[in-house]
Amino acid sequence: HIERNAVLLFVIPVDSEDPGLQLETLRRELALFDAALAEKPSLVVVTKLDLVAPEEREETLAAVRAAMGEPEATGISSVARLGLDGLKERLWQHIQAASTEDA
């Protein structure tokens, strides 16, 4: 039912050995499955920030963003409940924009 989603969310863990390759692989596989899906609006989320010491989070997140080429990637931790409100706001903005485009 992925076709019915207004926005796609690519989720990459902060401890990924190669976050850029992981994101590229996900996007490539999505495009091979259905080229139209690859054109949908999307957000990239870096998860598991609780694995990183609080004083190192911003630097680590910046490094992961750079490795993926995604300067706007949102960092979250479900366990520690970090960044979830910001992610929900960004998703809502994208959903509203997508529904406006469809109207």
PDB file of N, CA and C in Angstrom:
ATOM      1  N   HIS A   1       0.811  -1.199   0.000  1.00  0.00           N
ATOM      2  CA  HIS A   1       0.000   0.000   0.000  1.00  0.00           C
ATOM      3  C   HIS A   1       0.853   1.261   0.000  1.00  0.00           C
ATOM      4  N   ILE A   2       2.106   1.097  -0.324  1.00  0.00           N
ATOM      5  CA  ILE A   2       3.023   2.234  -0.348  1.00  0.00           C
ATOM      6  C   ILE A   2       2.568   3.290  -1.356  1.00  0.00           C
ATOM      7  N   GLU A   3       1.863   2.865  -2.385  1.00  0.00           N
ATOM      8  CA  GLU A   3       1.409   3.796  -3.417  1.00  0.00           C
ATOM      9  C   GLU A   3       0.459   4.860  -2.871  1.00  0.00           C
ATOM     10  N   ARG A   4      -0.225   4.576  -1.778  1.00  0.00           N
ATOM     11  CA  ARG A   4      -1.203   5.516  -1.220  1.00  0.00           C
ATOM     12  C   ARG A   4      -0.575   6.545  -0.282  1.00  0.00           C
ATOM     13  N   ASN A   5       0.695   6.392   0.031  1.00  0.00           N
ATOM     14  CA  ASN A   5       1.352   7.331   0.940  1.00  0.00           C
ATOM     15  C   ASN A   5       1.690   8.631   0.227  1.00  0.00           C
ATOM     16  N   ALA A   6       1.421   9.736   0.893  1.00  0.00           N
ATOM     17  CA  ALA A   6       1.726  11.045   0.311  1.00  0.00           C
ATOM     18  C   ALA A   6       3.209  11.357   0.393  1.00  0.00           C
ATOM     19  N   VAL A   7       3.864  10.843   1.420  1.00  0.00           N
ATOM     20  CA  VAL A   7       5.277  11.115   1.662  1.00  0.00           C
ATOM     21  C   VAL A   7       5.951   9.808   2.068  1.00  0.00           C
ATOM     22  N   LEU A   8       7.132   9.580   1.518  1.00  0.00           N
ATOM     23  CA  LEU A   8       7.900   8.401   1.900  1.00  0.00           C
ATOM     24  C   LEU A   8       8.968   8.795   2.916  1.00  0.00           C
ATOM     25  N   LEU A   9       9.241   7.893   3.817  1.00  0.00           N
ATOM     26  CA  LEU A   9      10.212   8.138   4.881  1.00  0.00           C
ATOM     27  C   LEU A   9      11.325   7.103   4.758  1.00  0.00           C
ATOM     28  N   PHE A  10      12.536   7.573   4.513  1.00  0.00           N
ATOM     29  CA  PHE A  10      13.697   6.694   4.464  1.00  0.00           C
ATOM     30  C   PHE A  10      14.364   6.737   5.836  1.00  0.00           C
ATOM     31  N   VAL A  11      14.501   5.580   6.460  1.00  0.00           N
ATOM     32  CA  VAL A  11      14.998   5.490   7.831  1.00  0.00           C
ATOM     33  C   VAL A  11      16.374   4.827   7.815  1.00  0.00           C
ATOM     34  N   ILE A  12      17.376   5.571   8.277  1.00  0.00           N
ATOM     35  CA  ILE A  12      18.757   5.090   8.294  1.00  0.00           C
ATOM     36  C   ILE A  12      19.269   5.169   9.737  1.00  0.00           C
ATOM     37  N   PRO A  13      19.770   4.067  10.287  1.00  0.00           N
ATOM     38  CA  PRO A  13      20.283   4.112  11.657  1.00  0.00           C
ATOM     39  C   PRO A  13      21.609   4.868  11.742  1.00  0.00           C
ATOM     40  N   VAL A  14      21.797   5.572  12.832  1.00  0.00           N
ATOM     41  CA  VAL A  14      23.003   6.374  13.020  1.00  0.00           C
ATOM     42  C   VAL A  14      24.262   5.504  13.039  1.00  0.00           C
ATOM     43  N   ASP A  15      24.109   4.239  13.380  1.00  0.00           N
ATOM     44  CA  ASP A  15      25.277   3.353  13.452  1.00  0.00           C
ATOM     45  C   ASP A  15      25.511   2.568  12.161  1.00  0.00           C
ATOM     46  N   SER A  16      24.878   2.982  11.084  1.00  0.00           N
ATOM     47  CA  SER A  16      25.092   2.340   9.790  1.00  0.00           C
ATOM     48  C   SER A  16      26.558   2.489   9.383  1.00  0.00           C
ATOM     49  N   GLU A  17      27.125   1.421   8.841  1.00  0.00           N
ATOM     50  CA  GLU A  17      28.519   1.478   8.397  1.00  0.00           C
ATOM     51  C   GLU A  17      28.704   2.420   7.217  1.00  0.00           C
ATOM     52  N   ASP A  18      27.700   2.501   6.346  1.00  0.00           N
ATOM     53  CA  ASP A  18      27.776   3.364   5.172  1.00  0.00           C
ATOM     54  C   ASP A  18      26.385   3.942   4.896  1.00  0.00           C
ATOM     55  N   PRO A  19      26.020   5.003   5.618  1.00  0.00           N
ATOM     56  CA  PRO A  19      24.669   5.550   5.465  1.00  0.00           C
ATOM     57  C   PRO A  19      24.366   6.043   4.056  1.00  0.00           C
ATOM     58  N   GLY A  20      25.360   6.561   3.373  1.00  0.00           N
ATOM     59  CA  GLY A  20      25.142   7.018   2.003  1.00  0.00           C
ATOM     60  C   GLY A  20      24.782   5.875   1.083  1.00  0.00           C
ATOM     61  N   LEU A  21      25.502   4.780   1.198  1.00  0.00           N
ATOM     62  CA  LEU A  21      25.220   3.605   0.382  1.00  0.00           C
ATOM     63  C   LEU A  21      23.873   3.001   0.748  1.00  0.00           C
ATOM     64  N   GLN A  22      23.562   2.971   2.028  1.00  0.00           N
ATOM     65  CA  GLN A  22      22.284   2.408   2.462  1.00  0.00           C
ATOM     66  C   GLN A  22      21.117   3.212   1.886  1.00  0.00           C
ATOM     67  N   LEU A  23      21.200   4.532   1.944  1.00  0.00           N
ATOM     68  CA  LEU A  23      20.133   5.372   1.393  1.00  0.00           C
ATOM     69  C   LEU A  23      20.051   5.215  -0.125  1.00  0.00           C
ATOM     70  N   GLU A  24      21.187   5.206  -0.780  1.00  0.00           N
ATOM     71  CA  GLU A  24      21.221   5.030  -2.236  1.00  0.00           C
ATOM     72  C   GLU A  24      20.589   3.690  -2.634  1.00  0.00           C
ATOM     73  N   THR A  25      20.893   2.650  -1.888  1.00  0.00           N
ATOM     74  CA  THR A  25      20.325   1.324  -2.162  1.00  0.00           C
ATOM     75  C   THR A  25      18.810   1.334  -2.009  1.00  0.00           C
ATOM     76  N   LEU A  26      18.322   1.947  -0.932  1.00  0.00           N
ATOM     77  CA  LEU A  26      16.873   2.020  -0.732  1.00  0.00           C
ATOM     78  C   LEU A  26      16.194   2.762  -1.874  1.00  0.00           C
ATOM     79  N   ARG A  27      16.766   3.870  -2.272  1.00  0.00           N
ATOM     80  CA  ARG A  27      16.168   4.661  -3.359  1.00  0.00           C
ATOM     81  C   ARG A  27      16.202   3.906  -4.686  1.00  0.00           C
ATOM     82  N   ARG A  28      17.323   3.238  -4.946  1.00  0.00           N
ATOM     83  CA  ARG A  28      17.446   2.478  -6.185  1.00  0.00           C
ATOM     84  C   ARG A  28      16.432   1.327  -6.226  1.00  0.00           C
ATOM     85  N   GLU A  29      16.315   0.597  -5.118  1.00  0.00           N
ATOM     86  CA  GLU A  29      15.361  -0.516  -5.068  1.00  0.00           C
ATOM     87  C   GLU A  29      13.926  -0.025  -5.221  1.00  0.00           C
ATOM     88  N   LEU A  30      13.620   1.113  -4.634  1.00  0.00           N
ATOM     89  CA  LEU A  30      12.284   1.687  -4.772  1.00  0.00           C
ATOM     90  C   LEU A  30      12.005   2.036  -6.230  1.00  0.00           C
ATOM     91  N   ALA A  31      12.971   2.669  -6.885  1.00  0.00           N
ATOM     92  CA  ALA A  31      12.809   3.056  -8.286  1.00  0.00           C
ATOM     93  C   ALA A  31      12.671   1.839  -9.189  1.00  0.00           C
ATOM     94  N   LEU A  32      13.393   0.767  -8.889  1.00  0.00           N
ATOM     95  CA  LEU A  32      13.278  -0.457  -9.682  1.00  0.00           C
ATOM     96  C   LEU A  32      11.918  -1.110  -9.489  1.00  0.00           C
ATOM     97  N   PHE A  33      11.378  -0.990  -8.293  1.00  0.00           N
ATOM     98  CA  PHE A  33      10.058  -1.552  -8.004  1.00  0.00           C
ATOM     99  C   PHE A  33       8.974  -0.775  -8.727  1.00  0.00           C
ATOM    100  N   ASP A  34       9.064   0.561  -8.649  1.00  0.00           N
ATOM    101  CA  ASP A  34       8.052   1.411  -9.278  1.00  0.00           C
ATOM    102  C   ASP A  34       8.642   2.811  -9.431  1.00  0.00           C
ATOM    103  N   ALA A  35       8.937   3.187 -10.646  1.00  0.00           N
ATOM    104  CA  ALA A  35       9.576   4.485 -10.910  1.00  0.00           C
ATOM    105  C   ALA A  35       8.746   5.652 -10.386  1.00  0.00           C
ATOM    106  N   ALA A  36       7.424   5.514 -10.389  1.00  0.00           N
ATOM    107  CA  ALA A  36       6.563   6.590  -9.887  1.00  0.00           C
ATOM    108  C   ALA A  36       6.771   6.805  -8.391  1.00  0.00           C
ATOM    109  N   LEU A  37       7.044   5.748  -7.664  1.00  0.00           N
ATOM    110  CA  LEU A  37       7.290   5.884  -6.227  1.00  0.00           C
ATOM    111  C   LEU A  37       8.541   6.702  -5.952  1.00  0.00           C
ATOM    112  N   ALA A  38       9.524   6.540  -6.803  1.00  0.00           N
ATOM    113  CA  ALA A  38      10.782   7.275  -6.621  1.00  0.00           C
ATOM    114  C   ALA A  38      10.594   8.776  -6.780  1.00  0.00           C
ATOM    115  N   GLU A  39       9.494   9.172  -7.404  1.00  0.00           N
ATOM    116  CA  GLU A  39       9.204  10.590  -7.615  1.00  0.00           C
ATOM    117  C   GLU A  39       8.384  11.205  -6.482  1.00  0.00           C
ATOM    118  N   LYS A  40       7.912  10.392  -5.575  1.00  0.00           N
ATOM    119  CA  LYS A  40       7.104  10.906  -4.455  1.00  0.00           C
ATOM    120  C   LYS A  40       7.969  11.758  -3.523  1.00  0.00           C
ATOM    121  N   PRO A  41       7.351  12.713  -2.846  1.00  0.00           N
ATOM    122  CA  PRO A  41       8.092  13.477  -1.831  1.00  0.00           C
ATOM    123  C   PRO A  41       8.615  12.520  -0.758  1.00  0.00           C
ATOM    124  N   SER A  42       9.775  12.851  -0.210  1.00  0.00           N
ATOM    125  CA  SER A  42      10.350  11.974   0.811  1.00  0.00           C
ATOM    126  C   SER A  42      11.135  12.774   1.840  1.00  0.00           C
ATOM    127  N   LEU A  43      11.297  12.146   2.974  1.00  0.00           N
ATOM    128  CA  LEU A  43      12.135  12.671   4.048  1.00  0.00           C
ATOM    129  C   LEU A  43      13.119  11.577   4.445  1.00  0.00           C
ATOM    130  N   VAL A  44      14.270  11.997   4.936  1.00  0.00           N
ATOM    131  CA  VAL A  44      15.258  11.051   5.432  1.00  0.00           C
ATOM    132  C   VAL A  44      15.384  11.260   6.936  1.00  0.00           C
ATOM    133  N   VAL A  45      15.356  10.145   7.671  1.00  0.00           N
ATOM    134  CA  VAL A  45      15.439  10.187   9.129  1.00  0.00           C
ATOM    135  C   VAL A  45      16.626   9.352   9.577  1.00  0.00           C
ATOM    136  N   VAL A  46      17.414   9.914  10.468  1.00  0.00           N
ATOM    137  CA  VAL A  46      18.521   9.191  11.089  1.00  0.00           C
ATOM    138  C   VAL A  46      18.033   8.767  12.470  1.00  0.00           C
ATOM    139  N   THR A  47      17.996   7.458  12.683  1.00  0.00           N
ATOM    140  CA  THR A  47      17.440   6.918  13.919  1.00  0.00           C
ATOM    141  C   THR A  47      18.533   6.486  14.895  1.00  0.00           C
ATOM    142  N   LYS A  48      18.093   6.117  16.081  1.00  0.00           N
ATOM    143  CA  LYS A  48      18.933   5.562  17.144  1.00  0.00           C
ATOM    144  C   LYS A  48      19.947   6.565  17.707  1.00  0.00           C
ATOM    145  N   LEU A  49      19.574   7.844  17.727  1.00  0.00           N
ATOM    146  CA  LEU A  49      20.494   8.844  18.271  1.00  0.00           C
ATOM    147  C   LEU A  49      20.839   8.588  19.734  1.00  0.00           C
ATOM    148  N   ASP A  50      20.019   7.794  20.425  1.00  0.00           N
ATOM    149  CA  ASP A  50      20.312   7.476  21.821  1.00  0.00           C
ATOM    150  C   ASP A  50      21.594   6.654  21.953  1.00  0.00           C
ATOM    151  N   LEU A  51      22.087   6.071  20.853  1.00  0.00           N
ATOM    152  CA  LEU A  51      23.331   5.305  20.885  1.00  0.00           C
ATOM    153  C   LEU A  51      24.564   6.205  20.954  1.00  0.00           C
ATOM    154  N   VAL A  52      24.355   7.493  20.710  1.00  0.00           N
ATOM    155  CA  VAL A  52      25.452   8.463  20.677  1.00  0.00           C
ATOM    156  C   VAL A  52      25.386   9.317  21.934  1.00  0.00           C
ATOM    157  N   ALA A  53      26.541   9.565  22.543  1.00  0.00           N
ATOM    158  CA  ALA A  53      26.598  10.420  23.734  1.00  0.00           C
ATOM    159  C   ALA A  53      25.998  11.783  23.410  1.00  0.00           C
ATOM    160  N   PRO A  54      25.220  12.346  24.338  1.00  0.00           N
ATOM    161  CA  PRO A  54      24.549  13.627  24.074  1.00  0.00           C
ATOM    162  C   PRO A  54      25.483  14.716  23.543  1.00  0.00           C
ATOM    163  N   GLU A  55      26.690  14.793  24.066  1.00  0.00           N
ATOM    164  CA  GLU A  55      27.610  15.852  23.632  1.00  0.00           C
ATOM    165  C   GLU A  55      28.170  15.596  22.222  1.00  0.00           C
ATOM    166  N   GLU A  56      27.960  14.418  21.673  1.00  0.00           N
ATOM    167  CA  GLU A  56      28.474  14.078  20.345  1.00  0.00           C
ATOM    168  C   GLU A  56      27.370  13.994  19.291  1.00  0.00           C
ATOM    169  N   ARG A  57      26.131  14.167  19.675  1.00  0.00           N
ATOM    170  CA  ARG A  57      25.014  13.945  18.752  1.00  0.00           C
ATOM    171  C   ARG A  57      25.011  14.876  17.554  1.00  0.00           C
ATOM    172  N   GLU A  58      25.182  16.164  17.778  1.00  0.00           N
ATOM    173  CA  GLU A  58      25.135  17.116  16.657  1.00  0.00           C
ATOM    174  C   GLU A  58      26.254  16.837  15.656  1.00  0.00           C
ATOM    175  N   GLU A  59      27.446  16.585  16.157  1.00  0.00           N
ATOM    176  CA  GLU A  59      28.577  16.304  15.271  1.00  0.00           C
ATOM    177  C   GLU A  59      28.366  14.994  14.500  1.00  0.00           C
ATOM    178  N   THR A  60      27.886  13.980  15.197  1.00  0.00           N
ATOM    179  CA  THR A  60      27.625  12.685  14.555  1.00  0.00           C
ATOM    180  C   THR A  60      26.521  12.814  13.518  1.00  0.00           C
ATOM    181  N   LEU A  61      25.457  13.504  13.865  1.00  0.00           N
ATOM    182  CA  LEU A  61      24.350  13.700  12.930  1.00  0.00           C
ATOM    183  C   LEU A  61      24.819  14.470  11.695  1.00  0.00           C
ATOM    184  N   ALA A  62      25.650  15.479  11.893  1.00  0.00           N
ATOM    185  CA  ALA A  62      26.184  16.245  10.766  1.00  0.00           C
ATOM    186  C   ALA A  62      27.018  15.348   9.851  1.00  0.00           C
ATOM    187  N   ALA A  63      27.795  14.448  10.441  1.00  0.00           N
ATOM    188  CA  ALA A  63      28.618  13.530   9.643  1.00  0.00           C
ATOM    189  C   ALA A  63      27.755  12.557   8.846  1.00  0.00           C
ATOM    190  N   VAL A  64      26.704  12.044   9.457  1.00  0.00           N
ATOM    191  CA  VAL A  64      25.804  11.120   8.759  1.00  0.00           C
ATOM    192  C   VAL A  64      25.060  11.858   7.655  1.00  0.00           C
ATOM    193  N   ARG A  65      24.619  13.068   7.940  1.00  0.00           N
ATOM    194  CA  ARG A  65      23.940  13.868   6.903  1.00  0.00           C
ATOM    195  C   ARG A  65      24.861  14.080   5.708  1.00  0.00           C
ATOM    196  N   ALA A  66      26.106  14.424   5.989  1.00  0.00           N
ATOM    197  CA  ALA A  66      27.081  14.660   4.919  1.00  0.00           C
ATOM    198  C   ALA A  66      27.334  13.385   4.120  1.00  0.00           C
ATOM    199  N   ALA A  67      27.459  12.254   4.803  1.00  0.00           N
ATOM    200  CA  ALA A  67      27.704  10.983   4.127  1.00  0.00           C
ATOM    201  C   ALA A  67      26.553  10.604   3.201  1.00  0.00           C
ATOM    202  N   MET A  68      25.352  11.003   3.554  1.00  0.00           N
ATOM    203  CA  MET A  68      24.172  10.693   2.740  1.00  0.00           C
ATOM    204  C   MET A  68      23.887  11.780   1.709  1.00  0.00           C
ATOM    205  N   GLY A  69      24.494  12.945   1.868  1.00  0.00           N
ATOM    206  CA  GLY A  69      24.161  14.063   0.995  1.00  0.00           C
ATOM    207  C   GLY A  69      22.780  14.606   1.289  1.00  0.00           C
ATOM    208  N   GLU A  70      22.372  14.512   2.546  1.00  0.00           N
ATOM    209  CA  GLU A  70      21.035  14.930   2.976  1.00  0.00           C
ATOM    210  C   GLU A  70      21.146  15.903   4.149  1.00  0.00           C
ATOM    211  N   PRO A  71      21.445  17.173   3.877  1.00  0.00           N
ATOM    212  CA  PRO A  71      21.642  18.130   4.964  1.00  0.00           C
ATOM    213  C   PRO A  71      20.406  18.383   5.815  1.00  0.00           C
ATOM    214  N   GLU A  72      19.226  18.034   5.307  1.00  0.00           N
ATOM    215  CA  GLU A  72      17.986  18.266   6.042  1.00  0.00           C
ATOM    216  C   GLU A  72      17.480  17.026   6.780  1.00  0.00           C
ATOM    217  N   ALA A  73      18.250  15.940   6.777  1.00  0.00           N
ATOM    218  CA  ALA A  73      17.809  14.713   7.444  1.00  0.00           C
ATOM    219  C   ALA A  73      17.526  15.002   8.921  1.00  0.00           C
ATOM    220  N   THR A  74      16.421  14.458   9.393  1.00  0.00           N
ATOM    221  CA  THR A  74      15.992  14.647  10.776  1.00  0.00           C
ATOM    222  C   THR A  74      16.583  13.551  11.646  1.00  0.00           C
ATOM    223  N   GLY A  75      17.119  13.918  12.789  1.00  0.00           N
ATOM    224  CA  GLY A  75      17.645  12.933  13.728  1.00  0.00           C
ATOM    225  C   GLY A  75      16.629  12.646  14.822  1.00  0.00           C
ATOM    226  N   ILE A  76      16.437  11.354  15.114  1.00  0.00           N
ATOM    227  CA  ILE A  76      15.485  10.975  16.156  1.00  0.00           C
ATOM    228  C   ILE A  76      16.014   9.813  16.987  1.00  0.00           C
ATOM    229  N   SER A  77      15.380   9.618  18.119  1.00  0.00           N
ATOM    230  CA  SER A  77      15.527   8.401  18.912  1.00  0.00           C
ATOM    231  C   SER A  77      14.139   8.058  19.433  1.00  0.00           C
ATOM    232  N   SER A  78      13.622   6.936  19.000  1.00  0.00           N
ATOM    233  CA  SER A  78      12.317   6.493  19.498  1.00  0.00           C
ATOM    234  C   SER A  78      12.409   6.130  20.971  1.00  0.00           C
ATOM    235  N   VAL A  79      13.510   5.494  21.347  1.00  0.00           N
ATOM    236  CA  VAL A  79      13.697   5.048  22.729  1.00  0.00           C
ATOM    237  C   VAL A  79      13.748   6.235  23.684  1.00  0.00           C
ATOM    238  N   ALA A  80      14.551   7.239  23.330  1.00  0.00           N
ATOM    239  CA  ALA A  80      14.720   8.413  24.189  1.00  0.00           C
ATOM    240  C   ALA A  80      13.710   9.517  23.874  1.00  0.00           C
ATOM    241  N   ARG A  81      12.859   9.292  22.855  1.00  0.00           N
ATOM    242  CA  ARG A  81      11.841  10.246  22.434  1.00  0.00           C
ATOM    243  C   ARG A  81      12.458  11.594  22.009  1.00  0.00           C
ATOM    244  N   LEU A  82      13.580  11.514  21.312  1.00  0.00           N
ATOM    245  CA  LEU A  82      14.261  12.708  20.815  1.00  0.00           C
ATOM    246  C   LEU A  82      13.843  13.003  19.381  1.00  0.00           C
ATOM    247  N   GLY A  83      13.485  14.229  19.106  1.00  0.00           N
ATOM    248  CA  GLY A  83      13.213  14.668  17.750  1.00  0.00           C
ATOM    249  C   GLY A  83      11.899  14.212  17.148  1.00  0.00           C
ATOM    250  N   LEU A  84      11.082  13.515  17.897  1.00  0.00           N
ATOM    251  CA  LEU A  84       9.838  12.971  17.333  1.00  0.00           C
ATOM    252  C   LEU A  84       8.828  14.058  16.987  1.00  0.00           C
ATOM    253  N   ASP A  85       8.722  15.068  17.834  1.00  0.00           N
ATOM    254  CA  ASP A  85       7.781  16.158  17.541  1.00  0.00           C
ATOM    255  C   ASP A  85       8.186  16.898  16.268  1.00  0.00           C
ATOM    256  N   GLY A  86       9.485  17.164  16.122  1.00  0.00           N
ATOM    257  CA  GLY A  86       9.970  17.824  14.914  1.00  0.00           C
ATOM    258  C   GLY A  86       9.722  16.995  13.665  1.00  0.00           C
ATOM    259  N   LEU A  87       9.917  15.679  13.787  1.00  0.00           N
ATOM    260  CA  LEU A  87       9.658  14.793  12.658  1.00  0.00           C
ATOM    261  C   LEU A  87       8.180  14.820  12.294  1.00  0.00           C
ATOM    262  N   LYS A  88       7.310  14.755  13.280  1.00  0.00           N
ATOM    263  CA  LYS A  88       5.878  14.787  13.007  1.00  0.00           C
ATOM    264  C   LYS A  88       5.491  16.090  12.319  1.00  0.00           C
ATOM    265  N   GLU A  89       6.067  17.197  12.741  1.00  0.00           N
ATOM    266  CA  GLU A  89       5.767  18.487  12.108  1.00  0.00           C
ATOM    267  C   GLU A  89       6.214  18.503  10.653  1.00  0.00           C
ATOM    268  N   ARG A  90       7.418  18.014  10.391  1.00  0.00           N
ATOM    269  CA  ARG A  90       7.929  17.985   9.012  1.00  0.00           C
ATOM    270  C   ARG A  90       7.071  17.079   8.131  1.00  0.00           C
ATOM    271  N   LEU A  91       6.701  15.922   8.658  1.00  0.00           N
ATOM    272  CA  LEU A  91       5.844  15.012   7.903  1.00  0.00           C
ATOM    273  C   LEU A  91       4.511  15.677   7.578  1.00  0.00           C
ATOM    274  N   TRP A  92       3.929  16.317   8.573  1.00  0.00           N
ATOM    275  CA  TRP A  92       2.640  16.980   8.369  1.00  0.00           C
ATOM    276  C   TRP A  92       2.753  18.062   7.299  1.00  0.00           C
ATOM    277  N   GLN A  93       3.811  18.851   7.325  1.00  0.00           N
ATOM    278  CA  GLN A  93       4.021  19.880   6.315  1.00  0.00           C
ATOM    279  C   GLN A  93       4.107  19.267   4.921  1.00  0.00           C
ATOM    280  N   HIS A  94       4.841  18.171   4.800  1.00  0.00           N
ATOM    281  CA  HIS A  94       4.976  17.503   3.500  1.00  0.00           C
ATOM    282  C   HIS A  94       3.641  16.905   3.039  1.00  0.00           C
ATOM    283  N   ILE A  95       2.897  16.348   3.963  1.00  0.00           N
ATOM    284  CA  ILE A  95       1.594  15.764   3.617  1.00  0.00           C
ATOM    285  C   ILE A  95       0.643  16.853   3.143  1.00  0.00           C
ATOM    286  N   GLN A  96       0.634  17.979   3.846  1.00  0.00           N
ATOM    287  CA  GLN A  96      -0.229  19.086   3.435  1.00  0.00           C
ATOM    288  C   GLN A  96       0.176  19.611   2.067  1.00  0.00           C
ATOM    289  N   ALA A  97       1.477  19.754   1.833  1.00  0.00           N
ATOM    290  CA  ALA A  97       1.951  20.227   0.534  1.00  0.00           C
ATOM    291  C   ALA A  97       1.570  19.254  -0.567  1.00  0.00           C
ATOM    292  N   ALA A  98       1.709  17.961  -0.303  1.00  0.00           N
ATOM    293  CA  ALA A  98       1.358  16.951  -1.312  1.00  0.00           C
ATOM    294  C   ALA A  98      -0.130  16.967  -1.615  1.00  0.00           C
ATOM    295  N   SER A  99      -0.953  17.141  -0.586  1.00  0.00           N
ATOM    296  CA  SER A  99      -2.396  17.149  -0.814  1.00  0.00           C
ATOM    297  C   SER A  99      -2.823  18.410  -1.551  1.00  0.00           C
ATOM    298  N   THR A 100      -2.118  19.511  -1.349  1.00  0.00           N
ATOM    299  CA  THR A 100      -2.398  20.745  -2.081  1.00  0.00           C
ATOM    300  C   THR A 100      -2.048  20.568  -3.564  1.00  0.00           C
ATOM    301  N   GLU A 101      -0.946  19.867  -3.832  1.00  0.00           N
ATOM    302  CA  GLU A 101      -0.532  19.632  -5.220  1.00  0.00           C
ATOM    303  C   GLU A 101      -1.513  18.716  -5.931  1.00  0.00           C
ATOM    304  N   ASP A 102      -2.082  17.760  -5.205  1.00  0.00           N
ATOM    305  CA  ASP A 102      -3.027  16.813  -5.790  1.00  0.00           C
ATOM    306  C   ASP A 102      -4.396  17.424  -6.057  1.00  0.00           C
ATOM    307  N   ALA A 103      -4.692  18.531  -5.371  1.00  0.00           N
ATOM    308  CA  ALA A 103      -6.030  19.139  -5.501  1.00  0.00           C
ATOM    309  C   ALA A 103      -6.195  19.901  -6.793  1.00  0.00           C
TER     310      ALA A 103
END
